[in-house]
Amino acid sequence: KSLIARAIHQRSERMGKPFVEVSCGSLPETLLESELFGHVKGSFTGAINDKKGKFFMADGGTIFLDEINSATPSFQLKLLRVIQEKQFEAVGSNQTETVDVRVVLATNQDLQEEVKAGRFREDLYYRINVVNIELPPLAERVTDIPLLAQKFLKSMCQVHGKQKTGLTDDALSYLER
């Protein structure tokens, strides 16, 4: 999902601007709001400095929000506002910030079913369901495995300061199985 979001960003007029990625499912709602919209000093325990949020950091570029289905209804309302009006307030602030950000969202749930079940806002669903890209599981895209494996190998070699030697045919065959 991340690779597709990056590809969309890199092939757009926003390619020279920031690309910011956030996994919504890994953060509790209070932290998610602060992470995305920022906060002002003293707005909550531990807020010892002002902090700019990810939307501010992505201004002019693209923000990729993964696992958007995990967002609470109150957070969904705030997200709807920033998508529609391009405005938000940092946690604890009365000052409205304005941003120009492309928003790319991903989910591992059927959002239409989430709307029917009352767990996802219908107005937000219709606002974000503009271009829908379905990504089948990797098991159904076996031809993508060698490319992804090479990318991960290159990345891990850089992290660990190793020389990239490549994957053997046997290793690739094993991964494809």
C-alpha atoms as a PDB file:
ATOM      1  CA  LYS A   1       0.000   0.000   0.000  1.00  0.00           C
ATOM      2  CA  SER A   2       2.810   2.339   0.892  1.00  0.00           C
ATOM      3  CA  LEU A   3       4.618   1.672  -2.399  1.00  0.00           C
ATOM      4  CA  ILE A   4       1.468   2.498  -4.371  1.00  0.00           C
ATOM      5  CA  ALA A   5       0.906   5.707  -2.392  1.00  0.00           C
ATOM      6  CA  ARG A   6       4.534   6.720  -3.013  1.00  0.00           C
ATOM      7  CA  ALA A   7       4.189   5.919  -6.719  1.00  0.00           C
ATOM      8  CA  ILE A   8       1.108   8.144  -6.940  1.00  0.00           C
ATOM      9  CA  HIS A   9       3.034  10.952  -5.232  1.00  0.00           C
ATOM     10  CA  GLN A  10       6.202  10.527  -7.322  1.00  0.00           C
ATOM     11  CA  ARG A  11       4.276  10.615 -10.590  1.00  0.00           C
ATOM     12  CA  SER A  12       2.304  13.755  -9.776  1.00  0.00           C
ATOM     13  CA  GLU A  13       2.824  17.490  -9.840  1.00  0.00           C
ATOM     14  CA  ARG A  14       3.469  17.227  -6.077  1.00  0.00           C
ATOM     15  CA  MET A  15       6.542  15.002  -6.472  1.00  0.00           C
ATOM     16  CA  GLY A  16       8.981  17.659  -5.267  1.00  0.00           C
ATOM     17  CA  LYS A  17       6.965  18.260  -2.106  1.00  0.00           C
ATOM     18  CA  PRO A  18       6.803  16.161   1.080  1.00  0.00           C
ATOM     19  CA  PHE A  19       5.396  12.649   1.262  1.00  0.00           C
ATOM     20  CA  VAL A  20       4.242  11.843   4.796  1.00  0.00           C
ATOM     21  CA  GLU A  21       3.034   8.423   5.923  1.00  0.00           C
ATOM     22  CA  VAL A  22       1.033   7.591   9.061  1.00  0.00           C
ATOM     23  CA  SER A  23      -0.294   4.249  10.281  1.00  0.00           C
ATOM     24  CA  CYS A  24      -3.549   5.245  11.962  1.00  0.00           C
ATOM     25  CA  GLY A  25      -4.117   1.805  13.463  1.00  0.00           C
ATOM     26  CA  SER A  26      -0.937   1.942  15.503  1.00  0.00           C
ATOM     27  CA  LEU A  27      -1.871   5.113  17.411  1.00  0.00           C
ATOM     28  CA  PRO A  28      -4.615   5.734  19.999  1.00  0.00           C
ATOM     29  CA  GLU A  29      -7.108   8.458  19.038  1.00  0.00           C
ATOM     30  CA  THR A  30      -5.652  11.161  21.313  1.00  0.00           C
ATOM     31  CA  LEU A  31      -2.153  10.602  19.997  1.00  0.00           C
ATOM     32  CA  LEU A  32      -3.374  10.273  16.403  1.00  0.00           C
ATOM     33  CA  GLU A  33      -5.001  13.696  16.528  1.00  0.00           C
ATOM     34  CA  SER A  34      -1.848  15.271  17.948  1.00  0.00           C
ATOM     35  CA  GLU A  35       0.331  13.417  15.441  1.00  0.00           C
ATOM     36  CA  LEU A  36      -1.726  14.544  12.437  1.00  0.00           C
ATOM     37  CA  PHE A  37      -2.784  18.044  13.484  1.00  0.00           C
ATOM     38  CA  GLY A  38      -0.067  18.961  15.992  1.00  0.00           C
ATOM     39  CA  HIS A  39      -0.507  20.447  19.454  1.00  0.00           C
ATOM     40  CA  VAL A  40       0.380  23.507  21.463  1.00  0.00           C
ATOM     41  CA  LYS A  41       2.459  23.588  24.607  1.00  0.00           C
ATOM     42  CA  GLY A  42       0.409  22.741  27.677  1.00  0.00           C
ATOM     43  CA  SER A  43      -2.542  21.276  25.771  1.00  0.00           C
ATOM     44  CA  PHE A  44      -2.138  17.964  27.602  1.00  0.00           C
ATOM     45  CA  THR A  45       0.223  16.307  30.075  1.00  0.00           C
ATOM     46  CA  GLY A  46       3.574  15.908  28.365  1.00  0.00           C
ATOM     47  CA  ALA A  47       3.005  18.644  25.769  1.00  0.00           C
ATOM     48  CA  ILE A  48       6.108  20.612  26.794  1.00  0.00           C
ATOM     49  CA  ASN A  49       6.555  22.265  23.377  1.00  0.00           C
ATOM     50  CA  ASP A  50       4.459  23.224  20.380  1.00  0.00           C
ATOM     51  CA  LYS A  51       4.516  20.495  17.749  1.00  0.00           C
ATOM     52  CA  LYS A  52       3.597  20.754  14.073  1.00  0.00           C
ATOM     53  CA  GLY A  53       1.464  17.863  12.861  1.00  0.00           C
ATOM     54  CA  LYS A  54       1.864  15.614   9.849  1.00  0.00           C
ATOM     55  CA  PHE A  55      -0.727  17.549   7.824  1.00  0.00           C
ATOM     56  CA  PHE A  56       1.317  20.714   8.290  1.00  0.00           C
ATOM     57  CA  MET A  57       4.509  18.824   7.363  1.00  0.00           C
ATOM     58  CA  ALA A  58       2.843  17.458   4.192  1.00  0.00           C
ATOM     59  CA  ASP A  59       1.648  20.878   2.998  1.00  0.00           C
ATOM     60  CA  GLY A  60       1.935  21.019  -0.783  1.00  0.00           C
ATOM     61  CA  GLY A  61       2.585  17.282  -0.971  1.00  0.00           C
ATOM     62  CA  THR A  62       0.863  14.020  -0.102  1.00  0.00           C
ATOM     63  CA  ILE A  63      -0.157  12.429   3.169  1.00  0.00           C
ATOM     64  CA  PHE A  64      -0.789   8.676   3.235  1.00  0.00           C
ATOM     65  CA  LEU A  65      -3.031   7.454   6.044  1.00  0.00           C
ATOM     66  CA  ASP A  66      -2.985   3.675   6.383  1.00  0.00           C
ATOM     67  CA  GLU A  67      -5.633   1.710   8.293  1.00  0.00           C
ATOM     68  CA  ILE A  68      -8.114   4.591   8.171  1.00  0.00           C
ATOM     69  CA  ASN A  69     -10.877   2.159   9.117  1.00  0.00           C
ATOM     70  CA  SER A  70      -9.516   2.197  12.691  1.00  0.00           C
ATOM     71  CA  ALA A  71     -10.286   5.922  13.141  1.00  0.00           C
ATOM     72  CA  THR A  72     -13.015   6.802  15.636  1.00  0.00           C
ATOM     73  CA  PRO A  73     -16.138   8.691  14.509  1.00  0.00           C
ATOM     74  CA  SER A  74     -14.982  11.904  16.213  1.00  0.00           C
ATOM     75  CA  PHE A  75     -11.623  11.721  14.470  1.00  0.00           C
ATOM     76  CA  GLN A  76     -13.360  10.922  11.165  1.00  0.00           C
ATOM     77  CA  LEU A  77     -15.258  14.207  11.494  1.00  0.00           C
ATOM     78  CA  LYS A  78     -11.995  16.136  11.915  1.00  0.00           C
ATOM     79  CA  LEU A  79     -10.514  14.320   8.931  1.00  0.00           C
ATOM     80  CA  LEU A  80     -13.581  15.165   6.843  1.00  0.00           C
ATOM     81  CA  ARG A  81     -13.097  18.837   7.671  1.00  0.00           C
ATOM     82  CA  VAL A  82      -9.444  18.898   6.654  1.00  0.00           C
ATOM     83  CA  ILE A  83     -10.248  17.073   3.399  1.00  0.00           C
ATOM     84  CA  GLN A  84     -13.206  19.329   2.523  1.00  0.00           C
ATOM     85  CA  GLU A  85     -12.046  22.682   3.826  1.00  0.00           C
ATOM     86  CA  LYS A  86      -8.271  22.141   3.978  1.00  0.00           C
ATOM     87  CA  GLN A  87      -8.349  23.502   7.526  1.00  0.00           C
ATOM     88  CA  PHE A  88      -7.725  22.207  11.041  1.00  0.00           C
ATOM     89  CA  GLU A  89      -6.699  23.298  14.513  1.00  0.00           C
ATOM     90  CA  ALA A  90      -3.816  21.830  16.463  1.00  0.00           C
ATOM     91  CA  VAL A  91      -4.810  20.167  19.747  1.00  0.00           C
ATOM     92  CA  GLY A  92      -5.318  22.917  22.333  1.00  0.00           C
ATOM     93  CA  SER A  93      -5.187  25.721  19.776  1.00  0.00           C
ATOM     94  CA  ASN A  94      -7.836  28.179  18.579  1.00  0.00           C
ATOM     95  CA  GLN A  95      -5.793  29.122  15.513  1.00  0.00           C
ATOM     96  CA  THR A  96      -6.958  27.600  12.244  1.00  0.00           C
ATOM     97  CA  GLU A  97      -4.248  26.257   9.950  1.00  0.00           C
ATOM     98  CA  THR A  98      -4.776  25.902   6.208  1.00  0.00           C
ATOM     99  CA  VAL A  99      -3.004  23.274   4.113  1.00  0.00           C
ATOM    100  CA  ASP A 100      -2.998  22.031   0.534  1.00  0.00           C
ATOM    101  CA  VAL A 101      -2.450  18.283   0.797  1.00  0.00           C
ATOM    102  CA  ARG A 102      -3.321  15.308  -1.365  1.00  0.00           C
ATOM    103  CA  VAL A 103      -4.774  12.658   0.946  1.00  0.00           C
ATOM    104  CA  VAL A 104      -4.281   9.002   0.070  1.00  0.00           C
ATOM    105  CA  LEU A 105      -6.029   6.520   2.337  1.00  0.00           C
ATOM    106  CA  ALA A 106      -5.752   2.760   2.722  1.00  0.00           C
ATOM    107  CA  THR A 107      -7.782   0.230   4.613  1.00  0.00           C
ATOM    108  CA  ASN A 108      -7.890  -3.498   5.140  1.00  0.00           C
ATOM    109  CA  GLN A 109     -11.680  -3.401   5.611  1.00  0.00           C
ATOM    110  CA  ASP A 110     -14.589  -2.920   3.217  1.00  0.00           C
ATOM    111  CA  LEU A 111     -15.520   0.674   4.069  1.00  0.00           C
ATOM    112  CA  GLN A 112     -18.939   0.320   2.472  1.00  0.00           C
ATOM    113  CA  GLU A 113     -19.676  -2.465   4.959  1.00  0.00           C
ATOM    114  CA  GLU A 114     -18.239  -0.329   7.776  1.00  0.00           C
ATOM    115  CA  VAL A 115     -20.645   2.477   6.781  1.00  0.00           C
ATOM    116  CA  LYS A 116     -23.596   0.055   6.803  1.00  0.00           C
ATOM    117  CA  ALA A 117     -22.544  -1.170  10.254  1.00  0.00           C
ATOM    118  CA  GLY A 118     -22.331   2.428  11.529  1.00  0.00           C
ATOM    119  CA  ARG A 119     -18.588   2.298  12.232  1.00  0.00           C
ATOM    120  CA  PHE A 120     -17.531   4.678   9.457  1.00  0.00           C
ATOM    121  CA  ARG A 121     -19.078   8.037   8.567  1.00  0.00           C
ATOM    122  CA  GLU A 122     -21.061   7.922   5.344  1.00  0.00           C
ATOM    123  CA  ASP A 123     -20.211  11.522   4.416  1.00  0.00           C
ATOM    124  CA  LEU A 124     -16.487  10.828   4.820  1.00  0.00           C
ATOM    125  CA  TYR A 125     -16.797   7.614   2.818  1.00  0.00           C
ATOM    126  CA  TYR A 126     -18.372   9.435  -0.128  1.00  0.00           C
ATOM    127  CA  ARG A 127     -15.784  12.226   0.117  1.00  0.00           C
ATOM    128  CA  ILE A 128     -12.812   9.833  -0.010  1.00  0.00           C
ATOM    129  CA  ASN A 129     -14.173   7.199  -2.382  1.00  0.00           C
ATOM    130  CA  VAL A 130     -13.124   9.114  -5.495  1.00  0.00           C
ATOM    131  CA  VAL A 131     -10.479   6.828  -6.995  1.00  0.00           C
ATOM    132  CA  ASN A 132     -10.491   3.311  -5.638  1.00  0.00           C
ATOM    133  CA  ILE A 133      -7.450   1.087  -6.162  1.00  0.00           C
ATOM    134  CA  GLU A 134      -7.928  -2.498  -5.087  1.00  0.00           C
ATOM    135  CA  LEU A 135      -4.719  -4.293  -4.244  1.00  0.00           C
ATOM    136  CA  PRO A 136      -5.097  -8.076  -4.224  1.00  0.00           C
ATOM    137  CA  PRO A 137      -3.100 -10.079  -1.674  1.00  0.00           C
ATOM    138  CA  LEU A 138       0.507 -10.770  -2.618  1.00  0.00           C
ATOM    139  CA  ALA A 139      -0.357 -14.462  -3.044  1.00  0.00           C
ATOM    140  CA  GLU A 140      -2.442 -13.397  -6.051  1.00  0.00           C
ATOM    141  CA  ARG A 141       0.387 -11.204  -7.442  1.00  0.00           C
ATOM    142  CA  VAL A 142       3.253 -13.695  -7.458  1.00  0.00           C
ATOM    143  CA  THR A 143       5.031 -11.806 -10.242  1.00  0.00           C
ATOM    144  CA  ASP A 144       5.506  -8.860  -7.842  1.00  0.00           C
ATOM    145  CA  ILE A 145       7.486 -10.972  -5.368  1.00  0.00           C
ATOM    146  CA  PRO A 146      10.939 -10.787  -7.050  1.00  0.00           C
ATOM    147  CA  LEU A 147      10.713  -6.997  -7.395  1.00  0.00           C
ATOM    148  CA  LEU A 148       9.602  -6.550  -3.780  1.00  0.00           C
ATOM    149  CA  ALA A 149      12.200  -9.002  -2.493  1.00  0.00           C
ATOM    150  CA  GLN A 150      14.986  -7.100  -4.296  1.00  0.00           C
ATOM    151  CA  LYS A 151      13.712  -3.803  -2.905  1.00  0.00           C
ATOM    152  CA  PHE A 152      13.625  -5.153   0.667  1.00  0.00           C
ATOM    153  CA  LEU A 153      17.058  -6.727   0.259  1.00  0.00           C
ATOM    154  CA  LYS A 154      18.520  -3.429  -0.971  1.00  0.00           C
ATOM    155  CA  SER A 155      16.892  -1.549   1.898  1.00  0.00           C
ATOM    156  CA  MET A 156      18.153  -3.986   4.547  1.00  0.00           C
ATOM    157  CA  CYS A 157      21.666  -3.970   3.091  1.00  0.00           C
ATOM    158  CA  GLN A 158      21.724  -0.173   3.366  1.00  0.00           C
ATOM    159  CA  VAL A 159      20.454  -0.278   6.957  1.00  0.00           C
ATOM    160  CA  HIS A 160      23.074  -2.845   7.991  1.00  0.00           C
ATOM    161  CA  GLY A 161      25.940  -1.560   5.838  1.00  0.00           C
ATOM    162  CA  LYS A 162      26.168  -4.713   3.749  1.00  0.00           C
ATOM    163  CA  GLN A 163      26.931  -5.221   0.074  1.00  0.00           C
ATOM    164  CA  LYS A 164      23.912  -6.280  -1.958  1.00  0.00           C
ATOM    165  CA  THR A 165      24.628  -9.573  -3.701  1.00  0.00           C
ATOM    166  CA  GLY A 166      21.108 -10.475  -4.859  1.00  0.00           C
ATOM    167  CA  LEU A 167      18.810 -13.397  -4.339  1.00  0.00           C
ATOM    168  CA  THR A 168      19.397 -16.832  -5.817  1.00  0.00           C
ATOM    169  CA  ASP A 169      16.826 -18.421  -8.103  1.00  0.00           C
ATOM    170  CA  ASP A 170      16.114 -20.962  -5.350  1.00  0.00           C
ATOM    171  CA  ALA A 171      15.435 -18.176  -2.829  1.00  0.00           C
ATOM    172  CA  LEU A 172      13.072 -16.401  -5.237  1.00  0.00           C
ATOM    173  CA  SER A 173      11.310 -19.671  -6.042  1.00  0.00           C
ATOM    174  CA  TYR A 174      10.869 -20.313  -2.309  1.00  0.00           C
ATOM    175  CA  LEU A 175       9.407 -16.844  -1.774  1.00  0.00           C
ATOM    176  CA  GLU A 176       7.006 -17.272  -4.700  1.00  0.00           C
ATOM    177  CA  ARG A 177       5.732 -20.563  -3.222  1.00  0.00           C
END
